[in-house]
Amino acid sequence: MKLGVHVSVAGGVDQAIDRAAALGCNTFQIFISNPRGWRPTMMPEADTSRFKEKYHADNMQEAFAHSIYLINLASPNEYLREQSIESLISGLVNTERLGLKYLVTHIGSHQGDGLEIGIERVVDCLSQILSDTTCCATLLLENTAGAGNLVGKNFKELGDIIKKSGSNRLGICLDTAHAFEQGYELHTADGLERMIAEIDEHVGLNRLHAIHLNDSMTELGTCRDRHENYGQGHIGEEGLTRIINHPKLKDLPFVMETPEIKEGGGTRALIDHIRSLRKD
């Protein structure tokens, strides 16, 4: 089972691998630049080399990077779109230089201009990003809980963006908390099957490359993005355990971004517990 957490790169990007390995993870997620700043950075070759050496030595499997929080490809503000484009280009290049396959990103908000216009802006931005990074990693669009005017709240919207972009370097990252908060009934077996069928119809399961394994602090359909520790939220342990054992999902990398992880308490025990729930 590919299971891990979001880990810090403090002290050097290679330190993330040490932290992940110490927690019993065989996958993980990192930010490769300040998640709350626009400034693009190019990682030194010495840092990327150390990272790749440790990554292979510790037998990590399909770790991935996450873009900064400020990304808004659907914004009516041209400056924000340009900054988002530059940040994602830098992020994809660094992801590739680290030897990772995937960079996850949020899409952003059309801010009241309408979904159709928002999607057009996103597709235009993605066209520039992908054309300027032809040798680089795959960009994964993350589904959103759907508050306000966010784009990508369901898999039809994500599928429309990918189809209009026409690139094989686009995929998706499923966030289970966001899906539940949007209204996908992941606490039930039937609800999980309906969501998987929707992904397959509109996106294609072959484009689903990573899962954020988060429980939800808020109830079904609230559109409020609040992560909860594994099994302690409204999806619940039964629902999440069904996800990690589903034959169409079980081989994907699962990464948690939950309060318990951020606080650092009991993470190794939690990883071991979730592995014990896996029915191989």
C-alpha atoms as a PDB file:
ATOM      1  CA  MET A   1       0.000   0.000   0.000  1.00  0.00           C
ATOM      2  CA  LYS A   2       1.319   3.455  -0.953  1.00  0.00           C
ATOM      3  CA  LEU A   3       0.555   5.515   2.162  1.00  0.00           C
ATOM      4  CA  GLY A   4       2.023   8.725   3.516  1.00  0.00           C
ATOM      5  CA  VAL A   5       1.530  12.272   4.725  1.00  0.00           C
ATOM      6  CA  HIS A   6       2.381  15.805   3.700  1.00  0.00           C
ATOM      7  CA  VAL A   7       5.873  16.492   5.081  1.00  0.00           C
ATOM      8  CA  SER A   8       7.973  19.601   5.594  1.00  0.00           C
ATOM      9  CA  VAL A   9      11.038  20.466   3.509  1.00  0.00           C
ATOM     10  CA  ALA A  10      12.554  22.584   6.304  1.00  0.00           C
ATOM     11  CA  GLY A  11      16.323  22.231   6.365  1.00  0.00           C
ATOM     12  CA  GLY A  12      16.485  21.055   2.756  1.00  0.00           C
ATOM     13  CA  VAL A  13      14.144  19.247   0.390  1.00  0.00           C
ATOM     14  CA  ASP A  14      15.925  15.916   1.021  1.00  0.00           C
ATOM     15  CA  GLN A  15      14.941  16.186   4.701  1.00  0.00           C
ATOM     16  CA  ALA A  16      11.360  15.474   3.653  1.00  0.00           C
ATOM     17  CA  ILE A  17      12.377  11.926   2.781  1.00  0.00           C
ATOM     18  CA  ASP A  18      13.980  11.413   6.204  1.00  0.00           C
ATOM     19  CA  ARG A  19      10.802  12.642   7.899  1.00  0.00           C
ATOM     20  CA  ALA A  20       8.562  10.457   5.748  1.00  0.00           C
ATOM     21  CA  ALA A  21      10.697   7.351   6.279  1.00  0.00           C
ATOM     22  CA  ALA A  22      10.760   7.911  10.059  1.00  0.00           C
ATOM     23  CA  LEU A  23       6.944   7.864  10.049  1.00  0.00           C
ATOM     24  CA  GLY A  24       6.750   4.596   8.128  1.00  0.00           C
ATOM     25  CA  CYS A  25       5.608   6.255   4.890  1.00  0.00           C
ATOM     26  CA  ASN A  26       6.482   4.931   1.458  1.00  0.00           C
ATOM     27  CA  THR A  27       4.976   7.957  -0.291  1.00  0.00           C
ATOM     28  CA  PHE A  28       4.531  11.603   0.686  1.00  0.00           C
ATOM     29  CA  GLN A  29       3.655  15.076  -0.558  1.00  0.00           C
ATOM     30  CA  ILE A  30       5.748  18.252  -0.351  1.00  0.00           C
ATOM     31  CA  PHE A  31       5.605  21.926  -1.185  1.00  0.00           C
ATOM     32  CA  ILE A  32       8.611  22.813  -3.340  1.00  0.00           C
ATOM     33  CA  SER A  33       8.304  26.554  -2.748  1.00  0.00           C
ATOM     34  CA  ASN A  34       6.719  28.794  -0.122  1.00  0.00           C
ATOM     35  CA  PRO A  35       3.004  27.860  -0.351  1.00  0.00           C
ATOM     36  CA  ARG A  36       1.914  31.401   0.534  1.00  0.00           C
ATOM     37  CA  GLY A  37       4.286  33.344  -1.716  1.00  0.00           C
ATOM     38  CA  TRP A  38       4.522  34.037  -5.445  1.00  0.00           C
ATOM     39  CA  ARG A  39       8.279  34.038  -5.789  1.00  0.00           C
ATOM     40  CA  PRO A  40       9.305  31.180  -8.099  1.00  0.00           C
ATOM     41  CA  THR A  41      12.459  29.327  -7.119  1.00  0.00           C
ATOM     42  CA  MET A  42      14.820  27.043  -8.982  1.00  0.00           C
ATOM     43  CA  MET A  43      16.219  24.332  -6.746  1.00  0.00           C
ATOM     44  CA  PRO A  44      20.031  23.983  -6.731  1.00  0.00           C
ATOM     45  CA  GLU A  45      21.351  20.878  -8.452  1.00  0.00           C
ATOM     46  CA  ALA A  46      23.049  19.723  -5.240  1.00  0.00           C
ATOM     47  CA  ASP A  47      19.658  19.706  -3.450  1.00  0.00           C
ATOM     48  CA  THR A  48      17.876  17.809  -6.202  1.00  0.00           C
ATOM     49  CA  SER A  49      20.692  15.266  -6.411  1.00  0.00           C
ATOM     50  CA  ARG A  50      20.559  14.541  -2.657  1.00  0.00           C
ATOM     51  CA  PHE A  51      16.790  14.221  -2.873  1.00  0.00           C
ATOM     52  CA  LYS A  52      16.923  11.709  -5.715  1.00  0.00           C
ATOM     53  CA  GLU A  53      19.610   9.634  -4.021  1.00  0.00           C
ATOM     54  CA  LYS A  54      17.598   9.333  -0.805  1.00  0.00           C
ATOM     55  CA  TYR A  55      14.329   8.828  -2.674  1.00  0.00           C
ATOM     56  CA  HIS A  56      15.635   5.710  -4.414  1.00  0.00           C
ATOM     57  CA  ALA A  57      17.620   4.454  -1.415  1.00  0.00           C
ATOM     58  CA  ASP A  58      14.537   4.568   0.841  1.00  0.00           C
ATOM     59  CA  ASN A  59      12.322   2.853  -1.775  1.00  0.00           C
ATOM     60  CA  MET A  60       9.751   5.631  -1.870  1.00  0.00           C
ATOM     61  CA  GLN A  61       6.870   5.114  -4.298  1.00  0.00           C
ATOM     62  CA  GLU A  62       5.201   7.859  -6.337  1.00  0.00           C
ATOM     63  CA  ALA A  63       5.665  10.803  -3.995  1.00  0.00           C
ATOM     64  CA  PHE A  64       4.374  14.070  -5.439  1.00  0.00           C
ATOM     65  CA  ALA A  65       4.554  17.837  -5.047  1.00  0.00           C
ATOM     66  CA  HIS A  66       1.856  20.444  -4.382  1.00  0.00           C
ATOM     67  CA  SER A  67       1.628  23.942  -5.825  1.00  0.00           C
ATOM     68  CA  ILE A  68       1.318  27.131  -3.792  1.00  0.00           C
ATOM     69  CA  TYR A  69      -2.058  28.106  -2.317  1.00  0.00           C
ATOM     70  CA  LEU A  70      -2.331  31.351  -4.303  1.00  0.00           C
ATOM     71  CA  ILE A  71      -2.917  29.754  -7.706  1.00  0.00           C
ATOM     72  CA  ASN A  72      -5.981  31.083  -9.554  1.00  0.00           C
ATOM     73  CA  LEU A  73      -6.136  30.106 -13.211  1.00  0.00           C
ATOM     74  CA  ALA A  74      -9.787  31.215 -13.468  1.00  0.00           C
ATOM     75  CA  SER A  75      -9.332  34.731 -12.066  1.00  0.00           C
ATOM     76  CA  PRO A  76     -10.615  37.784 -13.982  1.00  0.00           C
ATOM     77  CA  ASN A  77      -7.395  39.506 -12.852  1.00  0.00           C
ATOM     78  CA  GLU A  78      -4.803  39.094 -15.619  1.00  0.00           C
ATOM     79  CA  TYR A  79      -1.902  39.751 -13.243  1.00  0.00           C
ATOM     80  CA  LEU A  80      -3.021  36.906 -10.934  1.00  0.00           C
ATOM     81  CA  ARG A  81      -3.357  34.555 -13.877  1.00  0.00           C
ATOM     82  CA  GLU A  82       0.132  35.458 -15.102  1.00  0.00           C
ATOM     83  CA  GLN A  83       1.590  34.917 -11.638  1.00  0.00           C
ATOM     84  CA  SER A  84      -0.217  31.566 -11.429  1.00  0.00           C
ATOM     85  CA  ILE A  85       1.188  30.519 -14.790  1.00  0.00           C
ATOM     86  CA  GLU A  86       4.754  31.418 -13.799  1.00  0.00           C
ATOM     87  CA  SER A  87       4.404  29.615 -10.469  1.00  0.00           C
ATOM     88  CA  LEU A  88       3.125  26.408 -12.057  1.00  0.00           C
ATOM     89  CA  ILE A  89       5.816  26.454 -14.746  1.00  0.00           C
ATOM     90  CA  SER A  90       8.454  26.758 -12.029  1.00  0.00           C
ATOM     91  CA  GLY A  91       6.705  24.074  -9.988  1.00  0.00           C
ATOM     92  CA  LEU A  92       6.585  21.606 -12.866  1.00  0.00           C
ATOM     93  CA  VAL A  93      10.247  22.146 -13.689  1.00  0.00           C
ATOM     94  CA  ASN A  94      11.275  21.591 -10.058  1.00  0.00           C
ATOM     95  CA  THR A  95       9.026  18.545  -9.785  1.00  0.00           C
ATOM     96  CA  GLU A  96      10.743  17.068 -12.826  1.00  0.00           C
ATOM     97  CA  ARG A  97      14.214  17.930 -11.493  1.00  0.00           C
ATOM     98  CA  LEU A  98      13.418  16.065  -8.266  1.00  0.00           C
ATOM     99  CA  GLY A  99      12.482  12.993 -10.280  1.00  0.00           C
ATOM    100  CA  LEU A 100       8.813  13.160  -9.250  1.00  0.00           C
ATOM    101  CA  LYS A 101       5.977  12.494 -11.665  1.00  0.00           C
ATOM    102  CA  TYR A 102       3.181  14.733 -10.400  1.00  0.00           C
ATOM    103  CA  LEU A 103       2.454  18.296  -9.268  1.00  0.00           C
ATOM    104  CA  VAL A 104      -0.966  18.815  -7.659  1.00  0.00           C
ATOM    105  CA  THR A 105      -2.692  22.180  -7.966  1.00  0.00           C
ATOM    106  CA  HIS A 106      -5.928  23.891  -7.014  1.00  0.00           C
ATOM    107  CA  ILE A 107      -7.604  25.620  -9.965  1.00  0.00           C
ATOM    108  CA  GLY A 108      -9.089  28.789  -8.488  1.00  0.00           C
ATOM    109  CA  SER A 109     -12.254  30.892  -8.687  1.00  0.00           C
ATOM    110  CA  HIS A 110     -13.992  32.686 -11.557  1.00  0.00           C
ATOM    111  CA  GLN A 111     -15.111  35.255  -8.940  1.00  0.00           C
ATOM    112  CA  GLY A 112     -18.639  35.634 -10.255  1.00  0.00           C
ATOM    113  CA  ASP A 113     -17.944  35.743 -14.002  1.00  0.00           C
ATOM    114  CA  GLY A 114     -19.555  32.344 -14.558  1.00  0.00           C
ATOM    115  CA  LEU A 115     -18.298  28.792 -14.888  1.00  0.00           C
ATOM    116  CA  GLU A 116     -18.024  28.819 -18.677  1.00  0.00           C
ATOM    117  CA  ILE A 117     -15.792  31.894 -18.687  1.00  0.00           C
ATOM    118  CA  GLY A 118     -13.807  30.503 -15.770  1.00  0.00           C
ATOM    119  CA  ILE A 119     -13.137  27.240 -17.594  1.00  0.00           C
ATOM    120  CA  GLU A 120     -12.055  29.133 -20.725  1.00  0.00           C
ATOM    121  CA  ARG A 121      -9.500  31.055 -18.674  1.00  0.00           C
ATOM    122  CA  VAL A 122      -8.238  27.858 -17.050  1.00  0.00           C
ATOM    123  CA  VAL A 123      -7.810  26.120 -20.409  1.00  0.00           C
ATOM    124  CA  ASP A 124      -5.940  29.123 -21.839  1.00  0.00           C
ATOM    125  CA  CYS A 125      -3.588  29.187 -18.844  1.00  0.00           C
ATOM    126  CA  LEU A 126      -2.978  25.440 -18.964  1.00  0.00           C
ATOM    127  CA  SER A 127      -2.155  25.661 -22.663  1.00  0.00           C
ATOM    128  CA  GLN A 128       0.644  28.138 -21.929  1.00  0.00           C
ATOM    129  CA  ILE A 129       1.907  26.219 -18.882  1.00  0.00           C
ATOM    130  CA  LEU A 130       2.094  22.897 -20.694  1.00  0.00           C
ATOM    131  CA  SER A 131       3.571  24.311 -23.900  1.00  0.00           C
ATOM    132  CA  ASP A 132       6.356  25.972 -21.881  1.00  0.00           C
ATOM    133  CA  THR A 133       7.171  22.751 -19.958  1.00  0.00           C
ATOM    134  CA  THR A 134       7.109  20.099 -22.661  1.00  0.00           C
ATOM    135  CA  CYS A 135       9.682  17.871 -20.925  1.00  0.00           C
ATOM    136  CA  CYS A 136       8.161  18.031 -17.481  1.00  0.00           C
ATOM    137  CA  ALA A 137       5.913  16.261 -15.005  1.00  0.00           C
ATOM    138  CA  THR A 138       2.146  15.747 -15.116  1.00  0.00           C
ATOM    139  CA  LEU A 139      -0.087  18.438 -13.602  1.00  0.00           C
ATOM    140  CA  LEU A 140      -2.880  17.051 -11.413  1.00  0.00           C
ATOM    141  CA  LEU A 141      -6.010  19.163 -10.950  1.00  0.00           C
ATOM    142  CA  GLU A 142      -7.502  18.750  -7.487  1.00  0.00           C
ATOM    143  CA  ASN A 143     -11.264  18.684  -6.941  1.00  0.00           C
ATOM    144  CA  THR A 144     -12.611  21.379  -4.645  1.00  0.00           C
ATOM    145  CA  ALA A 145     -15.266  21.443  -1.945  1.00  0.00           C
ATOM    146  CA  GLY A 146     -17.036  24.026  -4.118  1.00  0.00           C
ATOM    147  CA  ALA A 147     -17.482  27.073  -1.887  1.00  0.00           C
ATOM    148  CA  GLY A 148     -18.137  30.361  -3.641  1.00  0.00           C
ATOM    149  CA  ASN A 149     -17.165  30.403  -7.300  1.00  0.00           C
ATOM    150  CA  LEU A 150     -14.433  27.767  -7.251  1.00  0.00           C
ATOM    151  CA  VAL A 151     -13.864  25.825 -10.459  1.00  0.00           C
ATOM    152  CA  GLY A 152     -13.458  22.046 -10.338  1.00  0.00           C
ATOM    153  CA  LYS A 153     -16.075  21.142  -7.760  1.00  0.00           C
ATOM    154  CA  ASN A 154     -17.161  18.015  -9.616  1.00  0.00           C
ATOM    155  CA  PHE A 155     -15.607  15.590 -12.061  1.00  0.00           C
ATOM    156  CA  LYS A 156     -17.593  16.811 -15.053  1.00  0.00           C
ATOM    157  CA  GLU A 157     -15.972  20.234 -14.664  1.00  0.00           C
ATOM    158  CA  LEU A 158     -12.527  18.667 -14.311  1.00  0.00           C
ATOM    159  CA  GLY A 159     -13.202  16.430 -17.301  1.00  0.00           C
ATOM    160  CA  ASP A 160     -14.327  19.403 -19.428  1.00  0.00           C
ATOM    161  CA  ILE A 161     -11.096  21.252 -18.632  1.00  0.00           C
ATOM    162  CA  ILE A 162      -8.922  18.248 -19.470  1.00  0.00           C
ATOM    163  CA  LYS A 163     -10.783  17.490 -22.708  1.00  0.00           C
ATOM    164  CA  LYS A 164     -10.631  21.107 -23.890  1.00  0.00           C
ATOM    165  CA  SER A 165      -6.936  21.243 -23.040  1.00  0.00           C
ATOM    166  CA  GLY A 166      -6.256  18.094 -25.055  1.00  0.00           C
ATOM    167  CA  SER A 167      -3.057  17.222 -23.210  1.00  0.00           C
ATOM    168  CA  ASN A 168      -1.871  13.867 -21.933  1.00  0.00           C
ATOM    169  CA  ARG A 169       0.066  15.708 -19.209  1.00  0.00           C
ATOM    170  CA  LEU A 170      -3.073  16.538 -17.252  1.00  0.00           C
ATOM    171  CA  GLY A 171      -4.685  14.328 -14.624  1.00  0.00           C
ATOM    172  CA  ILE A 172      -6.522  14.657 -11.332  1.00  0.00           C
ATOM    173  CA  CYS A 173      -5.900  14.246  -7.628  1.00  0.00           C
ATOM    174  CA  LEU A 174      -8.962  13.162  -5.654  1.00  0.00           C
ATOM    175  CA  ASP A 175      -9.412  14.813  -2.270  1.00  0.00           C
ATOM    176  CA  THR A 176     -11.897  12.666  -0.359  1.00  0.00           C
ATOM    177  CA  ALA A 177     -12.880  15.420   2.089  1.00  0.00           C
ATOM    178  CA  HIS A 178     -13.544  17.889  -0.732  1.00  0.00           C
ATOM    179  CA  ALA A 179     -15.631  15.331  -2.616  1.00  0.00           C
ATOM    180  CA  PHE A 180     -17.737  14.575   0.462  1.00  0.00           C
ATOM    181  CA  GLU A 181     -18.179  18.272   1.238  1.00  0.00           C
ATOM    182  CA  GLN A 182     -19.311  18.821  -2.338  1.00  0.00           C
ATOM    183  CA  GLY A 183     -21.988  16.123  -1.942  1.00  0.00           C
ATOM    184  CA  TYR A 184     -20.451  12.800  -2.959  1.00  0.00           C
ATOM    185  CA  GLU A 185     -21.722  10.235  -0.437  1.00  0.00           C
ATOM    186  CA  LEU A 186     -18.380   8.630   0.333  1.00  0.00           C
ATOM    187  CA  HIS A 187     -19.613   7.343   3.678  1.00  0.00           C
ATOM    188  CA  THR A 188     -21.682   4.727   1.810  1.00  0.00           C
ATOM    189  CA  ALA A 189     -20.678   1.921  -0.555  1.00  0.00           C
ATOM    190  CA  ASP A 190     -23.170   3.047  -3.211  1.00  0.00           C
ATOM    191  CA  GLY A 191     -21.986   6.651  -2.992  1.00  0.00           C
ATOM    192  CA  LEU A 192     -18.382   5.600  -3.528  1.00  0.00           C
ATOM    193  CA  GLU A 193     -19.333   3.544  -6.572  1.00  0.00           C
ATOM    194  CA  ARG A 194     -21.290   6.470  -8.056  1.00  0.00           C
ATOM    195  CA  MET A 195     -18.316   8.794  -7.633  1.00  0.00           C
ATOM    196  CA  ILE A 196     -15.909   6.323  -9.224  1.00  0.00           C
ATOM    197  CA  ALA A 197     -18.309   5.864 -12.154  1.00  0.00           C
ATOM    198  CA  GLU A 198     -18.502   9.655 -12.585  1.00  0.00           C
ATOM    199  CA  ILE A 199     -14.721   9.974 -12.589  1.00  0.00           C
ATOM    200  CA  ASP A 200     -14.462   7.211 -15.175  1.00  0.00           C
ATOM    201  CA  GLU A 201     -17.148   8.774 -17.385  1.00  0.00           C
ATOM    202  CA  HIS A 202     -15.944  12.371 -17.383  1.00  0.00           C
ATOM    203  CA  VAL A 203     -12.205  12.145 -16.699  1.00  0.00           C
ATOM    204  CA  GLY A 204     -11.125   8.524 -17.073  1.00  0.00           C
ATOM    205  CA  LEU A 205      -9.716   6.475 -14.217  1.00  0.00           C
ATOM    206  CA  ASN A 206      -6.424   6.327 -16.112  1.00  0.00           C
ATOM    207  CA  ARG A 207      -6.016  10.046 -15.297  1.00  0.00           C
ATOM    208  CA  LEU A 208      -6.576   9.606 -11.548  1.00  0.00           C
ATOM    209  CA  HIS A 209      -3.027   9.471 -10.177  1.00  0.00           C
ATOM    210  CA  ALA A 210      -3.202  10.414  -6.480  1.00  0.00           C
ATOM    211  CA  ILE A 211      -5.604  10.589  -3.540  1.00  0.00           C
ATOM    212  CA  HIS A 212      -5.655  12.988  -0.597  1.00  0.00           C
ATOM    213  CA  LEU A 213      -7.018  10.645   2.060  1.00  0.00           C
ATOM    214  CA  ASN A 214      -8.788  13.154   4.300  1.00  0.00           C
ATOM    215  CA  ASP A 215     -11.851  12.815   6.510  1.00  0.00           C
ATOM    216  CA  SER A 216     -14.293  15.755   6.679  1.00  0.00           C
ATOM    217  CA  MET A 217     -14.954  17.929   9.708  1.00  0.00           C
ATOM    218  CA  THR A 218     -18.105  19.278   8.023  1.00  0.00           C
ATOM    219  CA  GLU A 219     -21.230  17.421   6.948  1.00  0.00           C
ATOM    220  CA  LEU A 220     -22.156  16.099   3.524  1.00  0.00           C
ATOM    221  CA  GLY A 221     -22.731  18.816   0.917  1.00  0.00           C
ATOM    222  CA  THR A 222     -21.733  21.807   3.063  1.00  0.00           C
ATOM    223  CA  CYS A 223     -19.106  22.953   0.517  1.00  0.00           C
ATOM    224  CA  ARG A 224     -16.936  23.944   3.509  1.00  0.00           C
ATOM    225  CA  ASP A 225     -13.343  22.733   3.244  1.00  0.00           C
ATOM    226  CA  ARG A 226     -12.413  21.401   6.683  1.00  0.00           C
ATOM    227  CA  HIS A 227     -10.193  18.318   6.974  1.00  0.00           C
ATOM    228  CA  GLU A 228     -10.499  15.935   9.914  1.00  0.00           C
ATOM    229  CA  ASN A 229      -8.274  13.145  11.183  1.00  0.00           C
ATOM    230  CA  TYR A 230      -8.708   9.678   9.666  1.00  0.00           C
ATOM    231  CA  GLY A 231     -11.955   8.088  10.827  1.00  0.00           C
ATOM    232  CA  GLN A 232     -12.922  10.955  13.144  1.00  0.00           C
ATOM    233  CA  GLY A 233     -15.071  12.906  10.700  1.00  0.00           C
ATOM    234  CA  HIS A 234     -18.296  12.467   8.758  1.00  0.00           C
ATOM    235  CA  ILE A 235     -16.871  10.054   6.184  1.00  0.00           C
ATOM    236  CA  GLY A 236     -15.715   7.862   9.054  1.00  0.00           C
ATOM    237  CA  GLU A 237     -13.279   4.994   9.320  1.00  0.00           C
ATOM    238  CA  GLU A 238     -15.621   2.574   7.567  1.00  0.00           C
ATOM    239  CA  GLY A 239     -15.992   4.889   4.588  1.00  0.00           C
ATOM    240  CA  LEU A 240     -12.290   5.687   4.277  1.00  0.00           C
ATOM    241  CA  THR A 241     -11.308   2.046   4.744  1.00  0.00           C
ATOM    242  CA  ARG A 242     -13.660   1.140   1.914  1.00  0.00           C
ATOM    243  CA  ILE A 243     -11.787   3.659  -0.263  1.00  0.00           C
ATOM    244  CA  ILE A 244      -8.299   2.300   0.467  1.00  0.00           C
ATOM    245  CA  ASN A 245      -9.504  -1.223  -0.315  1.00  0.00           C
ATOM    246  CA  HIS A 246     -11.482  -0.454  -3.469  1.00  0.00           C
ATOM    247  CA  PRO A 247     -10.002  -2.451  -6.379  1.00  0.00           C
ATOM    248  CA  LYS A 248     -10.024   0.600  -8.678  1.00  0.00           C
ATOM    249  CA  LEU A 249      -8.289   2.850  -6.142  1.00  0.00           C
ATOM    250  CA  LYS A 250      -6.134   0.681  -3.888  1.00  0.00           C
ATOM    251  CA  ASP A 251      -2.943   0.860  -5.974  1.00  0.00           C
ATOM    252  CA  LEU A 252      -2.854   4.678  -6.018  1.00  0.00           C
ATOM    253  CA  PRO A 253      -0.696   6.707  -3.599  1.00  0.00           C
ATOM    254  CA  PHE A 254      -2.691   7.912  -0.557  1.00  0.00           C
ATOM    255  CA  VAL A 255      -1.491  11.011   1.299  1.00  0.00           C
ATOM    256  CA  MET A 256      -3.108  12.566   4.379  1.00  0.00           C
ATOM    257  CA  GLU A 257      -3.284  16.332   5.011  1.00  0.00           C
ATOM    258  CA  THR A 258      -5.169  16.277   8.287  1.00  0.00           C
ATOM    259  CA  PRO A 259      -4.947  18.149  11.622  1.00  0.00           C
ATOM    260  CA  GLU A 260      -3.317  15.255  13.455  1.00  0.00           C
ATOM    261  CA  ILE A 261      -0.575  15.096  10.853  1.00  0.00           C
ATOM    262  CA  LYS A 262       0.078  18.829  10.996  1.00  0.00           C
ATOM    263  CA  GLU A 263       0.363  18.690  14.775  1.00  0.00           C
ATOM    264  CA  GLY A 264       2.696  15.692  14.514  1.00  0.00           C
ATOM    265  CA  GLY A 265       0.921  13.614  17.159  1.00  0.00           C
ATOM    266  CA  GLY A 266       0.724   9.846  16.801  1.00  0.00           C
ATOM    267  CA  THR A 267       1.505   9.883  13.097  1.00  0.00           C
ATOM    268  CA  ARG A 268       3.515   6.638  13.027  1.00  0.00           C
ATOM    269  CA  ALA A 269       0.788   4.831  14.976  1.00  0.00           C
ATOM    270  CA  LEU A 270      -1.852   6.177  12.602  1.00  0.00           C
ATOM    271  CA  ILE A 271       0.091   4.996   9.542  1.00  0.00           C
ATOM    272  CA  ASP A 272       0.428   1.527  11.093  1.00  0.00           C
ATOM    273  CA  HIS A 273      -3.272   1.453  11.987  1.00  0.00           C
ATOM    274  CA  ILE A 274      -4.396   2.328   8.461  1.00  0.00           C
ATOM    275  CA  ARG A 275      -2.104  -0.300   6.994  1.00  0.00           C
ATOM    276  CA  SER A 276      -3.742  -2.847   9.315  1.00  0.00           C
ATOM    277  CA  LEU A 277      -7.104  -1.994   7.713  1.00  0.00           C
ATOM    278  CA  ARG A 278      -5.868  -2.919   4.263  1.00  0.00           C
ATOM    279  CA  LYS A 279      -7.282  -6.216   2.987  1.00  0.00           C
ATOM    280  CA  ASP A 280      -4.606  -7.495   0.599  1.00  0.00           C
END
